[in-house]
Amino acid sequence: MLDEGEVAVRPATFVIQAGEDLYEVPSLCPHREGWLEHGTVNHNRRTIACPLHFSVFSLETGEQLSGPACGNLTCRKLT
């Protein structure tokens, strides 16, 4: 809980593991700024789905594969 006047800061990116690979992913979905760290990861397909409206993105390329989002992500493979 924050004290009055305090501001919470959310990191711009987070690191997620899919299979044996690590990816740096933006924290927010471009559609409605859903918190992607709460999204569903498909380890076999290397995708992440936004928890708000279920837009699906490739962790490899950042490409939007389905859903209402309005753009791609900037993902980066770390390993």
PDB file of N, CA and C in Angstrom:
ATOM      1  N   MET A   1       0.845  -1.180   0.000  1.00  0.00           N
ATOM      2  CA  MET A   1       0.000   0.000   0.000  1.00  0.00           C
ATOM      3  C   MET A   1       0.887   1.238   0.000  1.00  0.00           C
ATOM      4  N   LEU A   2       0.484   2.225  -0.764  1.00  0.00           N
ATOM      5  CA  LEU A   2       1.241   3.469  -0.854  1.00  0.00           C
ATOM      6  C   LEU A   2       0.752   4.470   0.176  1.00  0.00           C
ATOM      7  N   ASP A   3       1.696   5.259   0.686  1.00  0.00           N
ATOM      8  CA  ASP A   3       1.333   6.377   1.547  1.00  0.00           C
ATOM      9  C   ASP A   3       0.839   7.520   0.674  1.00  0.00           C
ATOM     10  N   GLU A   4       0.091   8.424   1.253  1.00  0.00           N
ATOM     11  CA  GLU A   4      -0.420   9.569   0.511  1.00  0.00           C
ATOM     12  C   GLU A   4       0.728  10.321  -0.152  1.00  0.00           C
ATOM     13  N   GLY A   5       0.581  10.610  -1.434  1.00  0.00           N
ATOM     14  CA  GLY A   5       1.603  11.339  -2.176  1.00  0.00           C
ATOM     15  C   GLY A   5       2.642  10.459  -2.843  1.00  0.00           C
ATOM     16  N   GLU A   6       2.714   9.168  -2.499  1.00  0.00           N
ATOM     17  CA  GLU A   6       3.671   8.262  -3.136  1.00  0.00           C
ATOM     18  C   GLU A   6       3.150   7.831  -4.505  1.00  0.00           C
ATOM     19  N   VAL A   7       4.067   7.559  -5.396  1.00  0.00           N
ATOM     20  CA  VAL A   7       3.718   7.130  -6.744  1.00  0.00           C
ATOM     21  C   VAL A   7       4.347   5.764  -6.995  1.00  0.00           C
ATOM     22  N   ALA A   8       3.554   4.843  -7.519  1.00  0.00           N
ATOM     23  CA  ALA A   8       4.080   3.528  -7.882  1.00  0.00           C
ATOM     24  C   ALA A   8       4.628   3.601  -9.302  1.00  0.00           C
ATOM     25  N   VAL A   9       5.795   3.033  -9.514  1.00  0.00           N
ATOM     26  CA  VAL A   9       6.414   3.030 -10.837  1.00  0.00           C
ATOM     27  C   VAL A   9       6.467   1.593 -11.338  1.00  0.00           C
ATOM     28  N   ARG A  10       5.974   1.375 -12.544  1.00  0.00           N
ATOM     29  CA  ARG A  10       5.984   0.051 -13.150  1.00  0.00           C
ATOM     30  C   ARG A  10       7.154   0.014 -14.136  1.00  0.00           C
ATOM     31  N   PRO A  11       7.963  -1.039 -14.093  1.00  0.00           N
ATOM     32  CA  PRO A  11       9.061  -1.146 -15.048  1.00  0.00           C
ATOM     33  C   PRO A  11       8.526  -1.187 -16.484  1.00  0.00           C
ATOM     34  N   ALA A  12       9.296  -0.663 -17.413  1.00  0.00           N
ATOM     35  CA  ALA A  12       8.878  -0.635 -18.818  1.00  0.00           C
ATOM     36  C   ALA A  12       8.874  -2.026 -19.441  1.00  0.00           C
ATOM     37  N   THR A  13       9.741  -2.918 -18.939  1.00  0.00           N
ATOM     38  CA  THR A  13       9.828  -4.278 -19.468  1.00  0.00           C
ATOM     39  C   THR A  13       9.963  -5.268 -18.324  1.00  0.00           C
ATOM     40  N   PHE A  14       9.777  -6.539 -18.653  1.00  0.00           N
ATOM     41  CA  PHE A  14      10.028  -7.617 -17.703  1.00  0.00           C
ATOM     42  C   PHE A  14      10.610  -8.790 -18.482  1.00  0.00           C
ATOM     43  N   VAL A  15      11.166  -9.751 -17.769  1.00  0.00           N
ATOM     44  CA  VAL A  15      11.779 -10.926 -18.398  1.00  0.00           C
ATOM     45  C   VAL A  15      10.902 -12.132 -18.117  1.00  0.00           C
ATOM     46  N   ILE A  16      10.653 -12.897 -19.171  1.00  0.00           N
ATOM     47  CA  ILE A  16       9.815 -14.087 -19.048  1.00  0.00           C
ATOM     48  C   ILE A  16      10.544 -15.270 -19.669  1.00  0.00           C
ATOM     49  N   GLN A  17      10.324 -16.455 -19.113  1.00  0.00           N
ATOM     50  CA  GLN A  17      10.928 -17.668 -19.653  1.00  0.00           C
ATOM     51  C   GLN A  17       9.871 -18.450 -20.410  1.00  0.00           C
ATOM     52  N   ALA A  18      10.218 -18.888 -21.608  1.00  0.00           N
ATOM     53  CA  ALA A  18       9.380 -19.769 -22.416  1.00  0.00           C
ATOM     54  C   ALA A  18      10.265 -20.920 -22.856  1.00  0.00           C
ATOM     55  N   GLY A  19       9.964 -22.093 -22.367  1.00  0.00           N
ATOM     56  CA  GLY A  19      10.854 -23.221 -22.606  1.00  0.00           C
ATOM     57  C   GLY A  19      12.162 -22.951 -21.896  1.00  0.00           C
ATOM     58  N   GLU A  20      13.262 -23.009 -22.618  1.00  0.00           N
ATOM     59  CA  GLU A  20      14.571 -22.727 -22.033  1.00  0.00           C
ATOM     60  C   GLU A  20      15.076 -21.337 -22.379  1.00  0.00           C
ATOM     61  N   ASP A  21      14.259 -20.568 -23.086  1.00  0.00           N
ATOM     62  CA  ASP A  21      14.674 -19.244 -23.547  1.00  0.00           C
ATOM     63  C   ASP A  21      14.095 -18.137 -22.674  1.00  0.00           C
ATOM     64  N   LEU A  22      14.857 -17.046 -22.557  1.00  0.00           N
ATOM     65  CA  LEU A  22      14.409 -15.861 -21.830  1.00  0.00           C
ATOM     66  C   LEU A  22      14.131 -14.742 -22.824  1.00  0.00           C
ATOM     67  N   TYR A  23      13.055 -13.996 -22.561  1.00  0.00           N
ATOM     68  CA  TYR A  23      12.663 -12.888 -23.430  1.00  0.00           C
ATOM     69  C   TYR A  23      12.402 -11.649 -22.591  1.00  0.00           C
ATOM     70  N   GLU A  24      12.844 -10.505 -23.106  1.00  0.00           N
ATOM     71  CA  GLU A  24      12.489  -9.224 -22.512  1.00  0.00           C
ATOM     72  C   GLU A  24      11.247  -8.731 -23.254  1.00  0.00           C
ATOM     73  N   VAL A  25      10.194  -8.412 -22.485  1.00  0.00           N
ATOM     74  CA  VAL A  25       8.885  -8.086 -23.048  1.00  0.00           C
ATOM     75  C   VAL A  25       8.396  -6.772 -22.443  1.00  0.00           C
ATOM     76  N   PRO A  26       7.734  -5.918 -23.228  1.00  0.00           N
ATOM     77  CA  PRO A  26       7.149  -4.703 -22.646  1.00  0.00           C
ATOM     78  C   PRO A  26       6.121  -5.056 -21.572  1.00  0.00           C
ATOM     79  N   SER A  27       6.015  -4.243 -20.563  1.00  0.00           N
ATOM     80  CA  SER A  27       5.077  -4.507 -19.470  1.00  0.00           C
ATOM     81  C   SER A  27       3.623  -4.321 -19.876  1.00  0.00           C
ATOM     82  N   LEU A  28       3.363  -3.458 -20.868  1.00  0.00           N
ATOM     83  CA  LEU A  28       1.985  -3.111 -21.207  1.00  0.00           C
ATOM     84  C   LEU A  28       1.622  -3.520 -22.628  1.00  0.00           C
ATOM     85  N   CYS A  29       0.416  -4.047 -22.787  1.00  0.00           N
ATOM     86  CA  CYS A  29      -0.138  -4.355 -24.098  1.00  0.00           C
ATOM     87  C   CYS A  29      -0.464  -3.045 -24.816  1.00  0.00           C
ATOM     88  N   PRO A  30      -0.214  -2.951 -26.132  1.00  0.00           N
ATOM     89  CA  PRO A  30      -0.492  -1.709 -26.849  1.00  0.00           C
ATOM     90  C   PRO A  30      -1.985  -1.409 -27.022  1.00  0.00           C
ATOM     91  N   HIS A  31      -2.853  -2.366 -26.746  1.00  0.00           N
ATOM     92  CA  HIS A  31      -4.288  -2.159 -26.942  1.00  0.00           C
ATOM     93  C   HIS A  31      -4.889  -1.301 -25.837  1.00  0.00           C
ATOM     94  N   ARG A  32      -4.911  -1.803 -24.622  1.00  0.00           N
ATOM     95  CA  ARG A  32      -5.506  -1.088 -23.491  1.00  0.00           C
ATOM     96  C   ARG A  32      -4.599  -1.110 -22.267  1.00  0.00           C
ATOM     97  N   GLU A  33      -3.309  -1.301 -22.529  1.00  0.00           N
ATOM     98  CA  GLU A  33      -2.291  -1.287 -21.486  1.00  0.00           C
ATOM     99  C   GLU A  33      -2.511  -2.338 -20.401  1.00  0.00           C
ATOM    100  N   GLY A  34      -2.943  -3.533 -20.828  1.00  0.00           N
ATOM    101  CA  GLY A  34      -3.024  -4.662 -19.905  1.00  0.00           C
ATOM    102  C   GLY A  34      -1.631  -5.060 -19.458  1.00  0.00           C
ATOM    103  N   TRP A  35      -1.511  -5.509 -18.238  1.00  0.00           N
ATOM    104  CA  TRP A  35      -0.211  -5.889 -17.685  1.00  0.00           C
ATOM    105  C   TRP A  35       0.177  -7.268 -18.203  1.00  0.00           C
ATOM    106  N   LEU A  36       1.108  -7.300 -19.127  1.00  0.00           N
ATOM    107  CA  LEU A  36       1.465  -8.552 -19.781  1.00  0.00           C
ATOM    108  C   LEU A  36       2.124  -9.554 -18.843  1.00  0.00           C
ATOM    109  N   GLU A  37       2.709  -9.097 -17.757  1.00  0.00           N
ATOM    110  CA  GLU A  37       3.301 -10.070 -16.829  1.00  0.00           C
ATOM    111  C   GLU A  37       2.241 -10.958 -16.184  1.00  0.00           C
ATOM    112  N   HIS A  38       0.972 -10.565 -16.292  1.00  0.00           N
ATOM    113  CA  HIS A  38      -0.142 -11.388 -15.813  1.00  0.00           C
ATOM    114  C   HIS A  38      -0.774 -12.183 -16.952  1.00  0.00           C
ATOM    115  N   GLY A  39      -0.162 -12.119 -18.132  1.00  0.00           N
ATOM    116  CA  GLY A  39      -0.687 -12.822 -19.300  1.00  0.00           C
ATOM    117  C   GLY A  39      -0.359 -14.305 -19.273  1.00  0.00           C
ATOM    118  N   THR A  40      -0.909 -15.015 -20.245  1.00  0.00           N
ATOM    119  CA  THR A  40      -0.708 -16.455 -20.371  1.00  0.00           C
ATOM    120  C   THR A  40       0.372 -16.728 -21.408  1.00  0.00           C
ATOM    121  N   VAL A  41       1.379 -17.497 -21.004  1.00  0.00           N
ATOM    122  CA  VAL A  41       2.481 -17.849 -21.902  1.00  0.00           C
ATOM    123  C   VAL A  41       2.251 -19.252 -22.449  1.00  0.00           C
ATOM    124  N   ASN A  42       2.372 -19.399 -23.762  1.00  0.00           N
ATOM    125  CA  ASN A  42       2.365 -20.705 -24.402  1.00  0.00           C
ATOM    126  C   ASN A  42       3.825 -21.039 -24.684  1.00  0.00           C
ATOM    127  N   HIS A  43       4.373 -21.963 -23.902  1.00  0.00           N
ATOM    128  CA  HIS A  43       5.799 -22.284 -23.985  1.00  0.00           C
ATOM    129  C   HIS A  43       6.159 -22.956 -25.306  1.00  0.00           C
ATOM    130  N   ASN A  44       5.266 -23.760 -25.861  1.00  0.00           N
ATOM    131  CA  ASN A  44       5.555 -24.447 -27.124  1.00  0.00           C
ATOM    132  C   ASN A  44       5.541 -23.492 -28.308  1.00  0.00           C
ATOM    133  N   ARG A  45       4.567 -22.599 -28.340  1.00  0.00           N
ATOM    134  CA  ARG A  45       4.440 -21.664 -29.468  1.00  0.00           C
ATOM    135  C   ARG A  45       5.233 -20.385 -29.272  1.00  0.00           C
ATOM    136  N   ARG A  46       5.766 -20.186 -28.069  1.00  0.00           N
ATOM    137  CA  ARG A  46       6.528 -18.969 -27.743  1.00  0.00           C
ATOM    138  C   ARG A  46       5.658 -17.725 -27.950  1.00  0.00           C
ATOM    139  N   THR A  47       4.483 -17.726 -27.282  1.00  0.00           N
ATOM    140  CA  THR A  47       3.570 -16.589 -27.364  1.00  0.00           C
ATOM    141  C   THR A  47       3.156 -16.152 -25.965  1.00  0.00           C
ATOM    142  N   ILE A  48       2.631 -14.923 -25.889  1.00  0.00           N
ATOM    143  CA  ILE A  48       2.037 -14.413 -24.665  1.00  0.00           C
ATOM    144  C   ILE A  48       0.695 -13.791 -25.026  1.00  0.00           C
ATOM    145  N   ALA A  49      -0.320 -14.053 -24.188  1.00  0.00           N
ATOM    146  CA  ALA A  49      -1.660 -13.504 -24.400  1.00  0.00           C
ATOM    147  C   ALA A  49      -1.950 -12.478 -23.315  1.00  0.00           C
ATOM    148  N   CYS A  50      -2.438 -11.321 -23.723  1.00  0.00           N
ATOM    149  CA  CYS A  50      -2.804 -10.267 -22.781  1.00  0.00           C
ATOM    150  C   CYS A  50      -3.973 -10.742 -21.916  1.00  0.00           C
ATOM    151  N   PRO A  51      -3.932 -10.474 -20.607  1.00  0.00           N
ATOM    152  CA  PRO A  51      -5.007 -10.929 -19.730  1.00  0.00           C
ATOM    153  C   PRO A  51      -6.308 -10.132 -19.873  1.00  0.00           C
ATOM    154  N   LEU A  52      -6.281  -8.970 -20.510  1.00  0.00           N
ATOM    155  CA  LEU A  52      -7.506  -8.161 -20.613  1.00  0.00           C
ATOM    156  C   LEU A  52      -8.403  -8.585 -21.771  1.00  0.00           C
ATOM    157  N   HIS A  53      -7.868  -8.602 -22.979  1.00  0.00           N
ATOM    158  CA  HIS A  53      -8.684  -8.888 -24.154  1.00  0.00           C
ATOM    159  C   HIS A  53      -8.100 -10.002 -25.011  1.00  0.00           C
ATOM    160  N   PHE A  54      -7.097 -10.701 -24.473  1.00  0.00           N
ATOM    161  CA  PHE A  54      -6.556 -11.922 -25.064  1.00  0.00           C
ATOM    162  C   PHE A  54      -5.865 -11.728 -26.406  1.00  0.00           C
ATOM    163  N   SER A  55      -5.315 -10.553 -26.654  1.00  0.00           N
ATOM    164  CA  SER A  55      -4.449 -10.387 -27.821  1.00  0.00           C
ATOM    165  C   SER A  55      -3.229 -11.281 -27.627  1.00  0.00           C
ATOM    166  N   VAL A  56      -2.800 -11.950 -28.685  1.00  0.00           N
ATOM    167  CA  VAL A  56      -1.678 -12.886 -28.615  1.00  0.00           C
ATOM    168  C   VAL A  56      -0.516 -12.329 -29.428  1.00  0.00           C
ATOM    169  N   PHE A  57       0.682 -12.405 -28.834  1.00  0.00           N
ATOM    170  CA  PHE A  57       1.895 -11.882 -29.455  1.00  0.00           C
ATOM    171  C   PHE A  57       2.978 -12.954 -29.471  1.00  0.00           C
ATOM    172  N   SER A  58       3.791 -12.938 -30.531  1.00  0.00           N
ATOM    173  CA  SER A  58       4.959 -13.810 -30.613  1.00  0.00           C
ATOM    174  C   SER A  58       6.057 -13.254 -29.711  1.00  0.00           C
ATOM    175  N   LEU A  59       6.634 -14.103 -28.872  1.00  0.00           N
ATOM    176  CA  LEU A  59       7.779 -13.680 -28.063  1.00  0.00           C
ATOM    177  C   LEU A  59       9.036 -13.574 -28.920  1.00  0.00           C
ATOM    178  N   GLU A  60       9.082 -14.331 -30.013  1.00  0.00           N
ATOM    179  CA  GLU A  60      10.248 -14.323 -30.903  1.00  0.00           C
ATOM    180  C   GLU A  60      10.346 -13.027 -31.701  1.00  0.00           C
ATOM    181  N   THR A  61       9.207 -12.560 -32.232  1.00  0.00           N
ATOM    182  CA  THR A  61       9.215 -11.413 -33.146  1.00  0.00           C
ATOM    183  C   THR A  61       8.460 -10.201 -32.612  1.00  0.00           C
ATOM    184  N   GLY A  62       7.596 -10.400 -31.618  1.00  0.00           N
ATOM    185  CA  GLY A  62       6.746  -9.325 -31.113  1.00  0.00           C
ATOM    186  C   GLY A  62       5.494  -9.118 -31.936  1.00  0.00           C
ATOM    187  N   GLU A  63       5.352  -9.864 -33.037  1.00  0.00           N
ATOM    188  CA  GLU A  63       4.209  -9.702 -33.935  1.00  0.00           C
ATOM    189  C   GLU A  63       2.899 -10.033 -33.232  1.00  0.00           C
ATOM    190  N   GLN A  64       1.881  -9.208 -33.477  1.00  0.00           N
ATOM    191  CA  GLN A  64       0.536  -9.496 -32.983  1.00  0.00           C
ATOM    192  C   GLN A  64      -0.044 -10.597 -33.852  1.00  0.00           C
ATOM    193  N   LEU A  65      -0.428 -11.716 -33.239  1.00  0.00           N
ATOM    194  CA  LEU A  65      -0.927 -12.862 -33.987  1.00  0.00           C
ATOM    195  C   LEU A  65      -2.446 -12.918 -34.017  1.00  0.00           C
ATOM    196  N   SER A  66      -3.102 -12.377 -32.990  1.00  0.00           N
ATOM    197  CA  SER A  66      -4.564 -12.358 -32.946  1.00  0.00           C
ATOM    198  C   SER A  66      -5.019 -11.369 -31.889  1.00  0.00           C
ATOM    199  N   GLY A  67      -6.316 -11.078 -31.928  1.00  0.00           N
ATOM    200  CA  GLY A  67      -6.907 -10.220 -30.905  1.00  0.00           C
ATOM    201  C   GLY A  67      -7.014  -8.772 -31.318  1.00  0.00           C
ATOM    202  N   PRO A  68      -7.562  -7.948 -30.418  1.00  0.00           N
ATOM    203  CA  PRO A  68      -7.877  -6.560 -30.751  1.00  0.00           C
ATOM    204  C   PRO A  68      -6.733  -5.564 -30.595  1.00  0.00           C
ATOM    205  N   ALA A  69      -5.567  -6.006 -30.214  1.00  0.00           N
ATOM    206  CA  ALA A  69      -4.470  -5.050 -30.001  1.00  0.00           C
ATOM    207  C   ALA A  69      -4.198  -4.256 -31.275  1.00  0.00           C
ATOM    208  N   CYS A  70      -3.526  -3.146 -31.121  1.00  0.00           N
ATOM    209  CA  CYS A  70      -3.317  -2.250 -32.267  1.00  0.00           C
ATOM    210  C   CYS A  70      -1.838  -2.067 -32.567  1.00  0.00           C
ATOM    211  N   GLY A  71      -1.088  -3.145 -32.527  1.00  0.00           N
ATOM    212  CA  GLY A  71       0.323  -3.033 -32.859  1.00  0.00           C
ATOM    213  C   GLY A  71       1.119  -4.196 -32.313  1.00  0.00           C
ATOM    214  N   ASN A  72       2.365  -4.238 -32.709  1.00  0.00           N
ATOM    215  CA  ASN A  72       3.275  -5.289 -32.272  1.00  0.00           C
ATOM    216  C   ASN A  72       3.995  -4.877 -30.998  1.00  0.00           C
ATOM    217  N   LEU A  73       4.650  -5.846 -30.376  1.00  0.00           N
ATOM    218  CA  LEU A  73       5.495  -5.592 -29.210  1.00  0.00           C
ATOM    219  C   LEU A  73       6.948  -5.531 -29.656  1.00  0.00           C
ATOM    220  N   THR A  74       7.779  -4.914 -28.850  1.00  0.00           N
ATOM    221  CA  THR A  74       9.217  -4.948 -29.069  1.00  0.00           C
ATOM    222  C   THR A  74       9.790  -5.944 -28.070  1.00  0.00           C
ATOM    223  N   CYS A  75       9.914  -7.201 -28.515  1.00  0.00           N
ATOM    224  CA  CYS A  75      10.444  -8.272 -27.667  1.00  0.00           C
ATOM    225  C   CYS A  75      11.894  -8.524 -28.049  1.00  0.00           C
ATOM    226  N   ARG A  76      12.663  -9.018 -27.082  1.00  0.00           N
ATOM    227  CA  ARG A  76      14.074  -9.299 -27.339  1.00  0.00           C
ATOM    228  C   ARG A  76      14.438 -10.612 -26.665  1.00  0.00           C
ATOM    229  N   LYS A  77      14.994 -11.539 -27.433  1.00  0.00           N
ATOM    230  CA  LYS A  77      15.454 -12.808 -26.884  1.00  0.00           C
ATOM    231  C   LYS A  77      16.769 -12.576 -26.167  1.00  0.00           C
ATOM    232  N   LEU A  78      16.850 -13.044 -24.926  1.00  0.00           N
ATOM    233  CA  LEU A  78      18.042 -12.823 -24.112  1.00  0.00           C
ATOM    234  C   LEU A  78      18.982 -14.017 -24.121  1.00  0.00           C
ATOM    235  N   THR A  79      18.474 -15.208 -24.385  1.00  0.00           N
ATOM    236  CA  THR A  79      19.332 -16.400 -24.412  1.00  0.00           C
ATOM    237  C   THR A  79      19.122 -17.168 -25.686  1.00  0.00           C
TER     238      THR A  79
END
